[in-house]
Amino acid sequence: MAYRSELETLDEDGYTQLQFSSRGITKRPVSSEKGPCAASLPWRSIAVTLGILCLVILVIAIVLGTMGIWRSNSGSNSLKNDNFPSRKPTQSSLEESVDSPKALTTTGKGVLSSSCPPNWIAHENSCYLLGTSFNSWNESKRQCSQLDSYLMKIDNSKELEFIAKQVSSQPAKSFWIGLSRPQAEGPWLWEDGSKFSPDLFEIRSTVTQENSSHNCVWIHMQIIYDQLCSVPSSGICEKKLSI
């Protein structure tokens, strides 16, 4: 053969042997497979770090959400406890149980130095509160006292006209005023102890033969009646304003 790299010879047994020369054969460089893998290691580290951060943020969000739900439930439970009926009503809760708006007023003598509390109605130099709860006459009197006021006393025809207009807007209800009779068949007295003047208005009697102990007074629409003091009804509280 023409190439020196391949020689054909016969061995002692007569078999042909081929001998290859290493000449002319070049070795190809083997590329290292560790290069790309080594280059990708920083990106893998960054990806792992970001994954851990996302997991931490997720855990924090779950914890905060759980705390928010727990606080919300605690707040609602505290509100329910505040409304528990065995607790003594506060002044603000008593004033909120009315239908009337806050008003400001002046008198002929000058400007009032202070306005009526929220939900009270102003007229002349007094503030009035029309209650919505139903109580006996004595309970209504006590409720007004807790608000630093008293059951309404009607002093003149203008005041009577004013309050009759207010209660006429609620025709289904009657309202206690501060007029009662401590002794059966005795004189009618206002809460401050002054005597009632029959010239101011008429007290219509609802007394029957079966029951003659109607010793308290309420107003319904524009008419004033005597009534059993134990009958549940709303009341009208009054307080004076300084000038």
C-alpha atoms as a PDB file:
ATOM      1  CA  MET A   1       0.000   0.000   0.000  1.00  0.00           C
ATOM      2  CA  ALA A   2       1.056   3.567  -0.682  1.00  0.00           C
ATOM      3  CA  TYR A   3       0.475   4.779   2.855  1.00  0.00           C
ATOM      4  CA  ARG A   4       3.077   4.123   5.512  1.00  0.00           C
ATOM      5  CA  SER A   5       0.578   4.255   8.168  1.00  0.00           C
ATOM      6  CA  GLU A   6      -0.763   0.862   7.190  1.00  0.00           C
ATOM      7  CA  LEU A   7       1.508  -2.188   6.704  1.00  0.00           C
ATOM      8  CA  GLU A   8       0.339  -5.611   5.831  1.00  0.00           C
ATOM      9  CA  THR A   9       2.423  -8.495   7.138  1.00  0.00           C
ATOM     10  CA  LEU A  10       2.009 -12.178   7.623  1.00  0.00           C
ATOM     11  CA  ASP A  11       2.668 -13.733  10.949  1.00  0.00           C
ATOM     12  CA  GLU A  12       4.009 -17.138  11.493  1.00  0.00           C
ATOM     13  CA  ASP A  13       0.586 -18.718  11.252  1.00  0.00           C
ATOM     14  CA  GLY A  14      -0.178 -17.047   7.929  1.00  0.00           C
ATOM     15  CA  TYR A  15      -2.773 -14.578   9.214  1.00  0.00           C
ATOM     16  CA  THR A  16      -2.807 -11.081   8.022  1.00  0.00           C
ATOM     17  CA  GLN A  17      -2.122  -8.408  10.549  1.00  0.00           C
ATOM     18  CA  LEU A  18      -2.732  -4.750  10.144  1.00  0.00           C
ATOM     19  CA  GLN A  19      -0.535  -2.311  11.931  1.00  0.00           C
ATOM     20  CA  PHE A  20      -1.550   1.289  12.282  1.00  0.00           C
ATOM     21  CA  SER A  21       0.817   4.071  12.818  1.00  0.00           C
ATOM     22  CA  SER A  22       0.033   6.861  15.031  1.00  0.00           C
ATOM     23  CA  ARG A  23       1.567   9.260  12.636  1.00  0.00           C
ATOM     24  CA  GLY A  24      -0.677  11.801  10.998  1.00  0.00           C
ATOM     25  CA  ILE A  25      -3.393  11.338  13.554  1.00  0.00           C
ATOM     26  CA  THR A  26      -4.133  14.517  15.380  1.00  0.00           C
ATOM     27  CA  LYS A  27      -5.801  14.611  18.691  1.00  0.00           C
ATOM     28  CA  ARG A  28      -8.891  16.697  18.932  1.00  0.00           C
ATOM     29  CA  PRO A  29      -9.151  18.752  22.067  1.00  0.00           C
ATOM     30  CA  VAL A  30     -11.937  17.586  24.330  1.00  0.00           C
ATOM     31  CA  SER A  31     -13.989  20.509  25.457  1.00  0.00           C
ATOM     32  CA  SER A  32     -14.515  20.616  29.158  1.00  0.00           C
ATOM     33  CA  GLU A  33     -18.150  20.072  30.104  1.00  0.00           C
ATOM     34  CA  LYS A  34     -17.576  21.710  33.415  1.00  0.00           C
ATOM     35  CA  GLY A  35     -17.283  25.188  31.864  1.00  0.00           C
ATOM     36  CA  PRO A  36     -21.020  25.887  31.142  1.00  0.00           C
ATOM     37  CA  CYS A  37     -22.125  24.223  34.348  1.00  0.00           C
ATOM     38  CA  ALA A  38     -19.687  26.298  36.331  1.00  0.00           C
ATOM     39  CA  ALA A  39     -20.930  29.435  34.546  1.00  0.00           C
ATOM     40  CA  SER A  40     -24.559  28.710  35.457  1.00  0.00           C
ATOM     41  CA  LEU A  41     -23.868  28.314  39.183  1.00  0.00           C
ATOM     42  CA  PRO A  42     -24.249  32.093  40.062  1.00  0.00           C
ATOM     43  CA  TRP A  43     -27.685  32.223  38.384  1.00  0.00           C
ATOM     44  CA  ARG A  44     -28.799  29.159  40.266  1.00  0.00           C
ATOM     45  CA  SER A  45     -27.709  30.759  43.530  1.00  0.00           C
ATOM     46  CA  ILE A  46     -29.686  33.920  42.697  1.00  0.00           C
ATOM     47  CA  ALA A  47     -32.772  31.871  41.803  1.00  0.00           C
ATOM     48  CA  VAL A  48     -32.568  29.924  45.072  1.00  0.00           C
ATOM     49  CA  THR A  49     -32.152  33.156  47.046  1.00  0.00           C
ATOM     50  CA  LEU A  50     -35.187  34.749  45.354  1.00  0.00           C
ATOM     51  CA  GLY A  51     -37.228  31.615  46.029  1.00  0.00           C
ATOM     52  CA  ILE A  52     -36.357  31.755  49.714  1.00  0.00           C
ATOM     53  CA  LEU A  53     -37.282  35.481  49.886  1.00  0.00           C
ATOM     54  CA  CYS A  54     -40.645  34.808  48.227  1.00  0.00           C
ATOM     55  CA  LEU A  55     -41.327  32.016  50.734  1.00  0.00           C
ATOM     56  CA  VAL A  56     -40.457  34.303  53.665  1.00  0.00           C
ATOM     57  CA  ILE A  57     -42.739  37.075  52.312  1.00  0.00           C
ATOM     58  CA  LEU A  58     -45.573  34.560  51.884  1.00  0.00           C
ATOM     59  CA  VAL A  59     -45.189  33.358  55.468  1.00  0.00           C
ATOM     60  CA  ILE A  60     -45.179  36.958  56.771  1.00  0.00           C
ATOM     61  CA  ALA A  61     -48.329  37.763  54.749  1.00  0.00           C
ATOM     62  CA  ILE A  62     -50.113  34.703  56.174  1.00  0.00           C
ATOM     63  CA  VAL A  63     -49.122  35.650  59.735  1.00  0.00           C
ATOM     64  CA  LEU A  64     -50.262  39.273  59.299  1.00  0.00           C
ATOM     65  CA  GLY A  65     -53.547  38.166  57.732  1.00  0.00           C
ATOM     66  CA  THR A  66     -54.202  35.798  60.626  1.00  0.00           C
ATOM     67  CA  MET A  67     -53.474  38.565  63.156  1.00  0.00           C
ATOM     68  CA  GLY A  68     -55.815  40.940  61.302  1.00  0.00           C
ATOM     69  CA  ILE A  69     -58.657  38.419  61.380  1.00  0.00           C
ATOM     70  CA  TRP A  70     -58.045  37.761  65.080  1.00  0.00           C
ATOM     71  CA  ARG A  71     -58.084  41.483  65.895  1.00  0.00           C
ATOM     72  CA  SER A  72     -61.272  41.976  63.866  1.00  0.00           C
ATOM     73  CA  ASN A  73     -63.008  39.185  65.749  1.00  0.00           C
ATOM     74  CA  SER A  74     -61.772  40.583  69.058  1.00  0.00           C
ATOM     75  CA  GLY A  75     -63.116  44.034  68.133  1.00  0.00           C
ATOM     76  CA  SER A  76     -66.558  42.695  67.232  1.00  0.00           C
ATOM     77  CA  ASN A  77     -66.691  40.705  70.466  1.00  0.00           C
ATOM     78  CA  SER A  78     -65.822  43.809  72.485  1.00  0.00           C
ATOM     79  CA  LEU A  79     -68.623  45.728  70.780  1.00  0.00           C
ATOM     80  CA  LYS A  80     -71.062  42.971  71.663  1.00  0.00           C
ATOM     81  CA  ASN A  81     -69.903  43.097  75.284  1.00  0.00           C
ATOM     82  CA  ASP A  82     -70.361  46.879  75.360  1.00  0.00           C
ATOM     83  CA  ASN A  83     -74.000  46.411  74.368  1.00  0.00           C
ATOM     84  CA  PHE A  84     -74.638  43.818  77.074  1.00  0.00           C
ATOM     85  CA  PRO A  85     -77.980  44.747  78.642  1.00  0.00           C
ATOM     86  CA  SER A  86     -76.808  44.360  82.243  1.00  0.00           C
ATOM     87  CA  ARG A  87     -74.526  47.400  81.936  1.00  0.00           C
ATOM     88  CA  LYS A  88     -75.708  50.800  83.071  1.00  0.00           C
ATOM     89  CA  PRO A  89     -76.565  53.057  80.103  1.00  0.00           C
ATOM     90  CA  THR A  90     -74.268  56.044  79.605  1.00  0.00           C
ATOM     91  CA  GLN A  91     -75.385  59.587  78.918  1.00  0.00           C
ATOM     92  CA  SER A  92     -74.339  59.400  75.254  1.00  0.00           C
ATOM     93  CA  SER A  93     -76.307  56.169  74.723  1.00  0.00           C
ATOM     94  CA  LEU A  94     -79.410  57.731  76.276  1.00  0.00           C
ATOM     95  CA  GLU A  95     -79.098  60.831  74.093  1.00  0.00           C
ATOM     96  CA  GLU A  96     -78.705  58.734  70.943  1.00  0.00           C
ATOM     97  CA  SER A  97     -82.059  56.985  71.491  1.00  0.00           C
ATOM     98  CA  VAL A  98     -84.076  59.890  70.086  1.00  0.00           C
ATOM     99  CA  ASP A  99     -85.518  61.039  66.785  1.00  0.00           C
ATOM    100  CA  SER A 100     -84.771  64.756  66.926  1.00  0.00           C
ATOM    101  CA  PRO A 101     -81.809  66.676  65.416  1.00  0.00           C
ATOM    102  CA  LYS A 102     -79.477  69.134  67.129  1.00  0.00           C
ATOM    103  CA  ALA A 103     -80.494  72.753  66.843  1.00  0.00           C
ATOM    104  CA  LEU A 104     -79.133  76.194  67.730  1.00  0.00           C
ATOM    105  CA  THR A 105     -81.280  79.095  68.786  1.00  0.00           C
ATOM    106  CA  THR A 106     -81.253  82.631  70.141  1.00  0.00           C
ATOM    107  CA  THR A 107     -83.617  84.528  72.368  1.00  0.00           C
ATOM    108  CA  GLY A 108     -84.752  88.114  72.558  1.00  0.00           C
ATOM    109  CA  LYS A 109     -82.433  88.585  75.508  1.00  0.00           C
ATOM    110  CA  GLY A 110     -79.281  87.618  73.654  1.00  0.00           C
ATOM    111  CA  VAL A 111     -77.298  84.746  72.188  1.00  0.00           C
ATOM    112  CA  LEU A 112     -77.209  81.536  74.149  1.00  0.00           C
ATOM    113  CA  SER A 113     -73.795  80.909  75.684  1.00  0.00           C
ATOM    114  CA  SER A 114     -73.991  77.215  74.837  1.00  0.00           C
ATOM    115  CA  SER A 115     -75.937  75.156  72.305  1.00  0.00           C
ATOM    116  CA  CYS A 116     -78.085  72.122  72.917  1.00  0.00           C
ATOM    117  CA  PRO A 117     -76.399  68.708  73.060  1.00  0.00           C
ATOM    118  CA  PRO A 118     -76.614  66.482  69.975  1.00  0.00           C
ATOM    119  CA  ASN A 119     -80.136  65.221  69.210  1.00  0.00           C
ATOM    120  CA  TRP A 120     -81.809  67.777  71.492  1.00  0.00           C
ATOM    121  CA  ILE A 121     -84.267  70.366  70.131  1.00  0.00           C
ATOM    122  CA  ALA A 122     -83.787  74.007  71.040  1.00  0.00           C
ATOM    123  CA  HIS A 123     -86.693  76.343  71.819  1.00  0.00           C
ATOM    124  CA  GLU A 124     -86.437  79.685  73.572  1.00  0.00           C
ATOM    125  CA  ASN A 125     -83.972  79.082  76.438  1.00  0.00           C
ATOM    126  CA  SER A 126     -84.508  75.315  76.802  1.00  0.00           C
ATOM    127  CA  CYS A 127     -83.449  72.083  75.123  1.00  0.00           C
ATOM    128  CA  TYR A 128     -85.840  69.163  74.691  1.00  0.00           C
ATOM    129  CA  LEU A 129     -85.224  65.475  74.154  1.00  0.00           C
ATOM    130  CA  LEU A 130     -87.987  63.207  72.822  1.00  0.00           C
ATOM    131  CA  GLY A 131     -87.124  59.698  73.975  1.00  0.00           C
ATOM    132  CA  THR A 132     -87.711  56.534  71.966  1.00  0.00           C
ATOM    133  CA  SER A 133     -87.512  53.953  74.765  1.00  0.00           C
ATOM    134  CA  PHE A 134     -90.653  52.934  76.679  1.00  0.00           C
ATOM    135  CA  ASN A 135     -90.620  53.345  80.460  1.00  0.00           C
ATOM    136  CA  SER A 136     -92.945  54.057  83.334  1.00  0.00           C
ATOM    137  CA  TRP A 137     -93.333  57.657  84.505  1.00  0.00           C
ATOM    138  CA  ASN A 138     -90.853  57.159  87.356  1.00  0.00           C
ATOM    139  CA  GLU A 139     -88.327  55.436  85.071  1.00  0.00           C
ATOM    140  CA  SER A 140     -88.617  58.255  82.542  1.00  0.00           C
ATOM    141  CA  LYS A 141     -88.042  60.758  85.332  1.00  0.00           C
ATOM    142  CA  ARG A 142     -84.925  58.877  86.425  1.00  0.00           C
ATOM    143  CA  GLN A 143     -83.652  58.695  82.839  1.00  0.00           C
ATOM    144  CA  CYS A 144     -83.967  62.469  82.442  1.00  0.00           C
ATOM    145  CA  SER A 145     -82.143  62.961  85.738  1.00  0.00           C
ATOM    146  CA  GLN A 146     -79.229  60.901  84.395  1.00  0.00           C
ATOM    147  CA  LEU A 147     -79.007  63.433  81.543  1.00  0.00           C
ATOM    148  CA  ASP A 148     -78.916  66.393  83.969  1.00  0.00           C
ATOM    149  CA  SER A 149     -82.476  67.331  82.999  1.00  0.00           C
ATOM    150  CA  TYR A 150     -86.068  66.770  84.137  1.00  0.00           C
ATOM    151  CA  LEU A 151     -89.393  65.673  82.685  1.00  0.00           C
ATOM    152  CA  MET A 152     -90.780  68.579  80.690  1.00  0.00           C
ATOM    153  CA  LYS A 153     -92.591  71.379  82.464  1.00  0.00           C
ATOM    154  CA  ILE A 154     -94.964  73.451  80.300  1.00  0.00           C
ATOM    155  CA  ASP A 155     -94.790  77.058  81.490  1.00  0.00           C
ATOM    156  CA  ASN A 156     -96.797  78.951  78.861  1.00  0.00           C
ATOM    157  CA  SER A 157     -98.953  78.601  75.757  1.00  0.00           C
ATOM    158  CA  LYS A 158     -96.020  79.126  73.351  1.00  0.00           C
ATOM    159  CA  GLU A 159     -94.148  76.218  74.890  1.00  0.00           C
ATOM    160  CA  LEU A 160     -97.310  74.094  74.745  1.00  0.00           C
ATOM    161  CA  GLU A 161     -97.764  74.928  71.060  1.00  0.00           C
ATOM    162  CA  PHE A 162     -94.125  74.097  70.343  1.00  0.00           C
ATOM    163  CA  ILE A 163     -94.155  70.688  72.023  1.00  0.00           C
ATOM    164  CA  ALA A 164     -97.561  69.771  70.586  1.00  0.00           C
ATOM    165  CA  LYS A 165     -96.122  70.344  67.106  1.00  0.00           C
ATOM    166  CA  GLN A 166     -93.135  68.121  67.890  1.00  0.00           C
ATOM    167  CA  VAL A 167     -95.155  65.169  69.211  1.00  0.00           C
ATOM    168  CA  SER A 168     -97.744  65.448  66.426  1.00  0.00           C
ATOM    169  CA  SER A 169     -95.097  64.174  64.017  1.00  0.00           C
ATOM    170  CA  GLN A 170     -95.291  60.853  65.901  1.00  0.00           C
ATOM    171  CA  PRO A 171     -99.037  60.134  66.099  1.00  0.00           C
ATOM    172  CA  ALA A 172     -98.549  56.531  67.237  1.00  0.00           C
ATOM    173  CA  LYS A 173     -96.776  57.556  70.447  1.00  0.00           C
ATOM    174  CA  SER A 174     -97.544  59.316  73.703  1.00  0.00           C
ATOM    175  CA  PHE A 175     -94.957  61.139  75.836  1.00  0.00           C
ATOM    176  CA  TRP A 176     -94.715  61.575  79.599  1.00  0.00           C
ATOM    177  CA  ILE A 177     -94.397  65.128  80.927  1.00  0.00           C
ATOM    178  CA  GLY A 178     -93.358  66.152  84.435  1.00  0.00           C
ATOM    179  CA  LEU A 179     -96.870  66.447  85.867  1.00  0.00           C
ATOM    180  CA  SER A 180     -98.174  63.972  88.451  1.00  0.00           C
ATOM    181  CA  ARG A 181    -100.416  63.647  91.463  1.00  0.00           C
ATOM    182  CA  PRO A 182     -98.490  62.250  94.469  1.00  0.00           C
ATOM    183  CA  GLN A 183    -101.746  61.584  96.315  1.00  0.00           C
ATOM    184  CA  ALA A 184    -104.923  60.247  94.771  1.00  0.00           C
ATOM    185  CA  GLU A 185    -107.460  63.011  94.292  1.00  0.00           C
ATOM    186  CA  GLY A 186    -104.808  65.486  95.379  1.00  0.00           C
ATOM    187  CA  PRO A 187    -103.556  68.498  93.374  1.00  0.00           C
ATOM    188  CA  TRP A 188    -101.512  68.079  90.206  1.00  0.00           C
ATOM    189  CA  LEU A 189     -97.889  69.093  90.750  1.00  0.00           C
ATOM    190  CA  TRP A 190     -94.949  69.619  88.444  1.00  0.00           C
ATOM    191  CA  GLU A 191     -91.715  67.796  89.135  1.00  0.00           C
ATOM    192  CA  ASP A 192     -90.223  70.884  90.825  1.00  0.00           C
ATOM    193  CA  GLY A 193     -93.149  70.965  93.273  1.00  0.00           C
ATOM    194  CA  SER A 194     -95.038  73.908  91.711  1.00  0.00           C
ATOM    195  CA  LYS A 195     -98.801  73.610  91.247  1.00  0.00           C
ATOM    196  CA  PHE A 196    -100.424  73.098  87.885  1.00  0.00           C
ATOM    197  CA  SER A 197    -102.566  75.955  86.542  1.00  0.00           C
ATOM    198  CA  PRO A 198    -105.767  74.693  84.881  1.00  0.00           C
ATOM    199  CA  ASP A 199    -105.839  77.902  82.852  1.00  0.00           C
ATOM    200  CA  LEU A 200    -102.859  76.648  80.826  1.00  0.00           C
ATOM    201  CA  PHE A 201    -104.473  73.475  79.439  1.00  0.00           C
ATOM    202  CA  GLU A 202    -107.045  70.841  80.319  1.00  0.00           C
ATOM    203  CA  ILE A 203    -106.102  67.385  81.591  1.00  0.00           C
ATOM    204  CA  ARG A 204    -108.543  64.978  80.039  1.00  0.00           C
ATOM    205  CA  SER A 205    -109.467  62.135  82.323  1.00  0.00           C
ATOM    206  CA  THR A 206    -109.349  58.519  81.235  1.00  0.00           C
ATOM    207  CA  VAL A 207    -110.322  57.205  84.654  1.00  0.00           C
ATOM    208  CA  THR A 208    -112.860  54.392  84.729  1.00  0.00           C
ATOM    209  CA  GLN A 209    -114.789  52.936  87.625  1.00  0.00           C
ATOM    210  CA  GLU A 210    -112.527  49.887  87.602  1.00  0.00           C
ATOM    211  CA  ASN A 211    -109.369  51.966  87.838  1.00  0.00           C
ATOM    212  CA  SER A 212    -109.224  55.428  89.376  1.00  0.00           C
ATOM    213  CA  SER A 213    -105.465  55.656  90.052  1.00  0.00           C
ATOM    214  CA  HIS A 214    -104.392  57.606  86.962  1.00  0.00           C
ATOM    215  CA  ASN A 215    -101.942  59.893  88.730  1.00  0.00           C
ATOM    216  CA  CYS A 216     -99.469  60.735  85.932  1.00  0.00           C
ATOM    217  CA  VAL A 217     -99.823  62.817  82.758  1.00  0.00           C
ATOM    218  CA  TRP A 218     -98.750  62.350  79.149  1.00  0.00           C
ATOM    219  CA  ILE A 219     -99.319  64.231  75.908  1.00  0.00           C
ATOM    220  CA  HIS A 220    -100.633  62.583  72.762  1.00  0.00           C
ATOM    221  CA  MET A 221    -100.765  64.674  69.594  1.00  0.00           C
ATOM    222  CA  GLN A 222    -102.130  67.991  70.946  1.00  0.00           C
ATOM    223  CA  ILE A 223    -104.151  66.559  73.828  1.00  0.00           C
ATOM    224  CA  ILE A 224    -103.012  65.939  77.411  1.00  0.00           C
ATOM    225  CA  TYR A 225    -104.387  62.966  79.367  1.00  0.00           C
ATOM    226  CA  ASP A 226    -104.027  61.448  82.812  1.00  0.00           C
ATOM    227  CA  GLN A 227    -102.751  57.881  82.831  1.00  0.00           C
ATOM    228  CA  LEU A 228    -101.527  55.024  85.016  1.00  0.00           C
ATOM    229  CA  CYS A 229     -97.953  55.830  86.060  1.00  0.00           C
ATOM    230  CA  SER A 230     -96.848  52.248  85.376  1.00  0.00           C
ATOM    231  CA  VAL A 231     -97.847  52.247  81.695  1.00  0.00           C
ATOM    232  CA  PRO A 232     -94.733  52.087  79.444  1.00  0.00           C
ATOM    233  CA  SER A 233     -94.299  55.185  77.318  1.00  0.00           C
ATOM    234  CA  SER A 234     -91.656  57.588  76.019  1.00  0.00           C
ATOM    235  CA  GLY A 235     -90.764  60.754  77.881  1.00  0.00           C
ATOM    236  CA  ILE A 236     -89.777  64.344  77.118  1.00  0.00           C
ATOM    237  CA  CYS A 237     -86.692  65.625  78.935  1.00  0.00           C
ATOM    238  CA  GLU A 238     -86.005  69.366  79.318  1.00  0.00           C
ATOM    239  CA  LYS A 239     -82.945  71.334  80.413  1.00  0.00           C
ATOM    240  CA  LYS A 240     -82.413  75.089  80.642  1.00  0.00           C
ATOM    241  CA  LEU A 241     -79.675  76.966  78.847  1.00  0.00           C
ATOM    242  CA  SER A 242     -77.778  79.897  80.270  1.00  0.00           C
ATOM    243  CA  ILE A 243     -77.830  83.225  78.410  1.00  0.00           C
END
